């Protein structure tokens, strides 16, 4: 199918813009407050899509619970941890390294949860992807080490925990939500994300949102481009292929974001970034190569 071929590249582009939106939004709103609004609007938007398409809803409370529970981890705790850490001053380069750990975590634990088997070539590809990320953002990482991480120990830890959250959410989604309408599942997942994000925003923030044109545009793109477009594609990829193969696309985020930042903010593209990007692309190709994986779901 055409969508099968285009979905990975389109997902990478849409998902990568989340870092750009986060940089804009941090100036105009508290991160968790922004995310609470984003989750609420995304749930409403997907609900409208469900009405238009006459989507079928889960028939049992158990399936409804599975959808909402997965949303708590896939969107709620994951994005809350990343956005809160960035809002507290965690460097984007370091956060990118942490995000790059997620495919490795998923690939390592998928055999335990799902029985997925990776061939040696895929394992090499995962290792190359991780090495490529380290090379690509090594200048930022060295700068962080020189300046130190004073006062950022807790935010960095929260960022790390958020990666385990999205890893668990991805595996949970694959195990319990293989069937059902993607639109209705996405609606329930954002409801689950909203349930966990609102208390965090109330407890930790002043609920700041300045209602400028920039803030409204950032929210609109977050809902339409990220929550609906990128997340919809991620759900599609999880259902159509192996979890570890879908997760490996996260490896492309740091280099793609660097290119977007160079265009939008004038940030320089360094030699390590170019070399690292080439290695990342090679690693992702090895993991996603058609017919390279074996699956044994018991």
Protein backbone atom coordinates (compact mmCIF):
# COMPACT_ATOMS: atom_id res chain seq x y z
CA UNK A 1 0.00 0.00 0.00
CA UNK A 2 1.08 3.57 -0.70
CA UNK A 3 0.41 4.58 2.91
CA UNK A 4 2.69 1.81 4.15
CA UNK A 5 5.56 3.32 2.15
CA UNK A 6 4.86 6.96 3.00
CA UNK A 7 3.80 6.59 6.64
CA UNK A 8 7.32 6.27 8.19
CA UNK A 9 8.73 9.37 6.46
CA UNK A 10 5.58 11.41 7.12
CA UNK A 11 5.56 10.32 10.75
CA UNK A 12 9.19 11.36 11.21
CA UNK A 13 8.52 14.82 9.77
CA UNK A 14 5.37 15.46 11.79
CA UNK A 15 6.77 14.09 15.04
CA UNK A 16 10.00 16.08 14.70
CA UNK A 17 8.06 19.35 14.62
CA UNK A 18 7.09 18.68 18.22
CA UNK A 19 10.52 19.92 19.30
CA UNK A 20 10.01 23.13 17.31
CA UNK A 21 6.56 23.64 18.81
CA UNK A 22 7.93 23.02 22.30
CA UNK A 23 10.49 25.79 21.81
CA UNK A 24 7.81 28.25 20.70
CA UNK A 25 5.24 27.19 23.28
CA UNK A 26 7.59 27.47 26.27
CA UNK A 27 7.61 31.24 25.81
CA UNK A 28 3.84 31.53 25.80
CA UNK A 29 2.56 28.88 28.20
CA UNK A 30 3.45 26.57 31.06
CA UNK A 31 4.32 23.21 29.49
CA UNK A 32 1.88 20.98 31.37
CA UNK A 33 -0.90 23.54 31.00
CA UNK A 34 -0.26 23.63 27.26
CA UNK A 35 -0.32 19.83 27.10
CA UNK A 36 -3.59 19.63 29.04
CA UNK A 37 -5.21 21.91 26.47
CA UNK A 38 -3.65 19.92 23.65
CA UNK A 39 -4.93 16.59 24.97
CA UNK A 40 -8.43 17.97 25.53
CA UNK A 41 -8.65 19.44 22.03
CA UNK A 42 -7.16 16.29 20.48
CA UNK A 43 -9.72 14.11 22.26
CA UNK A 44 -12.52 16.38 21.03
CA UNK A 45 -11.14 16.43 17.47
CA UNK A 46 -10.82 12.65 17.31
CA UNK A 47 -14.33 12.31 18.75
CA UNK A 48 -15.68 14.45 15.90
CA UNK A 49 -13.80 12.27 13.42
CA UNK A 50 -15.38 9.22 15.05
CA UNK A 51 -18.85 10.72 14.55
CA UNK A 52 -18.14 11.55 10.91
CA UNK A 53 -16.67 8.14 10.09
CA UNK A 54 -19.13 6.28 12.32
CA UNK A 55 -16.26 4.62 14.08
CA UNK A 56 -16.96 1.59 16.21
CA UNK A 57 -16.27 1.96 19.91
CA UNK A 58 -14.84 -0.78 22.14
CA UNK A 59 -17.63 -3.07 23.26
CA UNK A 60 -16.31 -3.90 26.72
CA UNK A 61 -15.17 -1.85 29.69
CA UNK A 62 -11.95 -3.81 29.60
CA UNK A 63 -11.09 -2.58 26.10
CA UNK A 64 -12.04 0.98 27.01
CA UNK A 65 -9.74 0.67 30.02
CA UNK A 66 -6.92 -0.66 27.88
CA UNK A 67 -7.21 2.31 25.50
CA UNK A 68 -7.28 4.92 28.27
CA UNK A 69 -4.52 3.20 30.23
CA UNK A 70 -2.22 3.10 27.19
CA UNK A 71 -2.89 6.81 26.64
CA UNK A 72 -1.69 7.58 30.15
CA UNK A 73 1.76 6.26 29.20
CA UNK A 74 1.95 6.95 25.45
CA UNK A 75 0.91 10.61 25.67
CA UNK A 76 0.26 11.66 29.24
CA UNK A 77 3.33 10.77 31.28
CA UNK A 78 5.67 10.70 28.28
CA UNK A 79 4.96 14.21 27.02
CA UNK A 80 4.57 15.59 30.53
CA UNK A 81 8.05 14.37 31.43
CA UNK A 82 9.73 15.64 28.25
CA UNK A 83 8.01 19.04 28.18
CA UNK A 84 8.47 19.62 31.90
CA UNK A 85 12.18 18.77 31.65
CA UNK A 86 12.68 21.14 28.72
CA UNK A 87 10.74 23.83 30.57
CA UNK A 88 13.09 23.42 33.53
CA UNK A 89 16.16 23.99 31.33
CA UNK A 90 17.27 20.53 30.19
CA UNK A 91 19.25 21.13 26.95
CA UNK A 92 17.51 19.99 23.77
CA UNK A 93 20.59 18.00 22.72
CA UNK A 94 20.61 16.00 25.95
CA UNK A 95 16.86 15.45 25.72
CA UNK A 96 17.44 14.18 22.18
CA UNK A 97 19.91 11.59 23.43
CA UNK A 98 17.38 10.42 26.00
CA UNK A 99 14.69 10.17 23.31
CA UNK A 100 17.08 8.08 21.25
CA UNK A 101 17.24 5.52 24.04
CA UNK A 102 13.56 4.63 23.58
CA UNK A 103 13.93 2.37 20.51
CA UNK A 104 16.77 0.53 22.23
CA UNK A 105 14.63 0.00 25.32
CA UNK A 106 11.71 -1.18 23.20
CA UNK A 107 13.82 -3.59 21.17
CA UNK A 108 15.36 -5.05 24.33
CA UNK A 109 12.09 -5.68 26.19
CA UNK A 110 9.80 -6.53 23.23
CA UNK A 111 10.98 -10.18 23.24
CA UNK A 112 9.94 -10.47 26.89
CA UNK A 113 6.51 -8.87 26.46
CA UNK A 114 5.55 -9.86 22.92
CA UNK A 115 7.84 -12.64 21.80
CA UNK A 116 9.21 -10.56 18.91
CA UNK A 117 12.53 -11.79 17.59
CA UNK A 118 15.18 -9.57 16.08
CA UNK A 119 17.68 -10.86 13.57
CA UNK A 120 21.37 -9.98 14.00
CA UNK A 121 21.13 -7.36 11.23
CA UNK A 122 18.37 -5.57 13.14
CA UNK A 123 20.40 -5.62 16.35
CA UNK A 124 23.33 -4.07 14.50
CA UNK A 125 20.97 -1.46 13.06
CA UNK A 126 19.72 -0.51 16.53
CA UNK A 127 23.30 -0.15 17.77
CA UNK A 128 24.21 1.99 14.74
CA UNK A 129 21.19 4.21 15.34
CA UNK A 130 22.22 4.84 18.92
CA UNK A 131 25.85 5.52 17.89
CA UNK A 132 24.65 7.90 15.18
CA UNK A 133 22.65 9.92 17.68
CA UNK A 134 25.65 10.25 20.00
CA UNK A 135 27.81 11.46 17.10
CA UNK A 136 25.15 13.82 15.74
CA UNK A 137 24.64 15.72 18.96
CA UNK A 138 28.12 15.32 20.44
CA UNK A 139 28.83 19.10 20.26
CA UNK A 140 25.78 19.85 22.40
CA UNK A 141 26.65 17.02 24.77
CA UNK A 142 30.23 18.26 25.25
CA UNK A 143 28.90 21.76 25.88
CA UNK A 144 26.59 20.38 28.56
CA UNK A 145 29.48 18.60 30.27
CA UNK A 146 31.58 21.79 30.22
CA UNK A 147 28.83 23.92 31.72
CA UNK A 148 27.58 21.22 34.04
CA UNK A 149 24.06 20.17 34.94
CA UNK A 150 23.68 22.14 38.15
CA UNK A 151 20.07 22.07 39.28
CA UNK A 152 18.98 19.80 36.44
CA UNK A 153 19.40 16.38 38.06
CA UNK A 154 15.68 15.97 38.82
CA UNK A 155 14.44 17.22 35.40
CA UNK A 156 16.90 14.90 33.63
CA UNK A 157 15.68 11.99 35.75
CA UNK A 158 12.09 12.87 34.86
CA UNK A 159 13.07 12.96 31.19
CA UNK A 160 14.58 9.48 31.52
CA UNK A 161 11.50 8.10 33.26
CA UNK A 162 9.31 9.48 30.47
CA UNK A 163 11.20 7.30 27.98
CA UNK A 164 10.31 4.19 30.00
CA UNK A 165 6.72 5.44 29.96
CA UNK A 166 6.43 5.64 26.17
CA UNK A 167 8.24 2.30 25.85
CA UNK A 168 5.73 0.61 28.16
CA UNK A 169 2.83 2.37 26.41
CA UNK A 170 4.02 1.17 23.00
CA UNK A 171 4.27 -2.43 24.18
CA UNK A 172 0.93 -2.24 25.98
CA UNK A 173 -0.70 -0.86 22.83
CA UNK A 174 0.70 -3.71 20.74
CA UNK A 175 -0.39 -6.38 23.20
CA UNK A 176 -3.90 -5.23 24.12
CA UNK A 177 -5.13 -3.02 21.27
CA UNK A 178 -4.44 -4.96 18.10
CA UNK A 179 -8.09 -4.79 17.11
CA UNK A 180 -10.62 -1.98 17.12
CA UNK A 181 -11.09 1.33 15.35
CA UNK A 182 -7.97 3.51 15.47
CA UNK A 183 -9.97 6.75 15.76
CA UNK A 184 -12.01 5.63 18.77
CA UNK A 185 -8.89 4.20 20.42
CA UNK A 186 -7.03 7.49 19.86
CA UNK A 187 -9.94 9.42 21.40
CA UNK A 188 -9.87 7.29 24.53
CA UNK A 189 -6.08 7.48 24.72
CA UNK A 190 -6.14 11.28 24.80
CA UNK A 191 -8.82 11.15 27.49
CA UNK A 192 -6.44 8.98 29.50
CA UNK A 193 -3.61 11.44 28.86
CA UNK A 194 -5.82 14.33 29.96
CA UNK A 195 -6.75 12.57 33.19
CA UNK A 196 -3.13 12.36 34.27
CA UNK A 197 -1.96 15.73 32.87
CA UNK A 198 -4.57 17.99 34.52
CA UNK A 199 -3.60 17.09 38.12
CA UNK A 200 0.09 17.57 37.28
CA UNK A 201 -0.57 21.01 35.78
CA UNK A 202 -2.70 22.06 38.77
CA UNK A 203 -0.06 20.88 41.23
CA UNK A 204 3.07 22.21 39.53
CA UNK A 205 2.11 25.27 37.47
CA UNK A 206 0.23 28.58 37.43
CA UNK A 207 -1.79 27.57 34.34
CA UNK A 208 -0.18 30.29 32.21
CA UNK A 209 -1.30 30.62 28.57
CA UNK A 210 -0.94 34.10 27.05
CA UNK A 211 -3.42 33.64 24.13
CA UNK A 212 -1.13 35.33 21.60
CA UNK A 213 -1.27 34.41 17.92
CA UNK A 214 1.93 32.40 18.38
CA UNK A 215 0.46 30.44 21.27
CA UNK A 216 -2.75 29.70 19.39
CA UNK A 217 -0.86 28.61 16.27
CA UNK A 218 1.39 26.36 18.35
CA UNK A 219 -1.68 24.78 19.93
CA UNK A 220 -3.39 24.31 16.54
CA UNK A 221 -0.35 22.59 15.05
CA UNK A 222 0.11 20.48 18.18
CA UNK A 223 -3.44 19.20 17.89
CA UNK A 224 -3.76 18.81 14.12
CA UNK A 225 -0.20 18.05 13.05
CA UNK A 226 1.09 16.18 16.09
CA UNK A 227 -1.75 14.72 18.14
CA UNK A 228 -3.89 13.79 15.14
CA UNK A 229 -1.42 13.44 12.26
CA UNK A 230 1.69 12.01 13.90
CA UNK A 231 -0.05 10.00 16.61
CA UNK A 232 -2.51 8.58 14.09
CA UNK A 233 0.42 7.43 11.95
CA UNK A 234 2.20 5.98 14.98
CA UNK A 235 -0.87 3.93 15.89
CA UNK A 236 -1.04 2.76 12.27
CA UNK A 237 2.65 1.77 12.27
CA UNK A 238 2.35 -0.10 15.56
CA UNK A 239 -0.57 -2.10 14.21
CA UNK A 240 0.95 -2.81 10.78
CA UNK A 241 4.49 -3.74 11.85
CA UNK A 242 6.68 -4.81 14.71
CA UNK A 243 6.93 -2.58 17.73
CA UNK A 244 10.73 -2.43 17.54
CA UNK A 245 10.62 -1.38 13.87
CA UNK A 246 8.12 1.42 14.53
CA UNK A 247 10.08 2.62 17.55
CA UNK A 248 13.33 2.71 15.58
CA UNK A 249 11.97 5.71 13.64
CA UNK A 250 12.55 7.77 16.81
CA UNK A 251 16.25 7.57 15.92
CA UNK A 252 15.64 10.01 13.08
CA UNK A 253 14.22 12.73 15.34
CA UNK A 254 17.42 14.53 16.50
CA UNK A 255 18.93 14.93 13.00
CA UNK A 256 15.63 15.97 11.44
CA UNK A 257 15.02 18.49 14.22
CA UNK A 258 18.54 19.88 13.69
CA UNK A 259 17.80 20.49 10.02
CA UNK A 260 14.49 22.20 10.86
CA UNK A 261 16.21 24.33 13.52
CA UNK A 262 18.87 25.36 10.99
CA UNK A 263 16.18 26.52 8.58
CA UNK A 264 13.90 28.22 11.13
CA UNK A 265 16.36 29.49 13.74
CA UNK A 266 19.66 29.69 11.85
CA UNK A 267 21.35 27.07 14.01
CA UNK A 268 24.47 25.68 12.25
CA UNK A 269 24.64 22.14 10.85
CA UNK A 270 27.90 20.67 12.16
CA UNK A 271 30.02 17.92 10.62
CA UNK A 272 29.16 15.53 13.48
CA UNK A 273 25.47 16.17 12.75
CA UNK A 274 25.90 15.31 9.05
CA UNK A 275 27.98 12.18 9.74
CA UNK A 276 25.68 11.11 12.55
CA UNK A 277 22.63 11.56 10.35
CA UNK A 278 24.09 9.25 7.70
CA UNK A 279 24.77 6.58 10.32
CA UNK A 280 21.28 6.96 11.78
CA UNK A 281 19.65 6.55 8.38
CA UNK A 282 21.72 3.40 7.75
CA UNK A 283 20.72 1.98 11.12
CA UNK A 284 17.03 2.70 10.62
CA UNK A 285 17.14 1.09 7.18
CA UNK A 286 18.65 -2.07 8.67
CA UNK A 287 15.96 -2.31 11.34
CA UNK A 288 13.08 -1.56 8.96
CA UNK A 289 14.34 -3.59 6.00
CA UNK A 290 11.44 -5.61 4.62
CA UNK A 291 11.61 -9.22 5.58
CA UNK A 292 14.46 -8.69 8.04
CA UNK A 293 12.39 -9.46 11.11
CA UNK A 294 10.85 -12.58 12.46
CA UNK A 295 7.82 -12.54 14.70
CA UNK A 296 6.69 -15.29 17.02
CA UNK A 297 3.73 -14.11 19.05
CA UNK A 298 2.63 -16.62 21.59
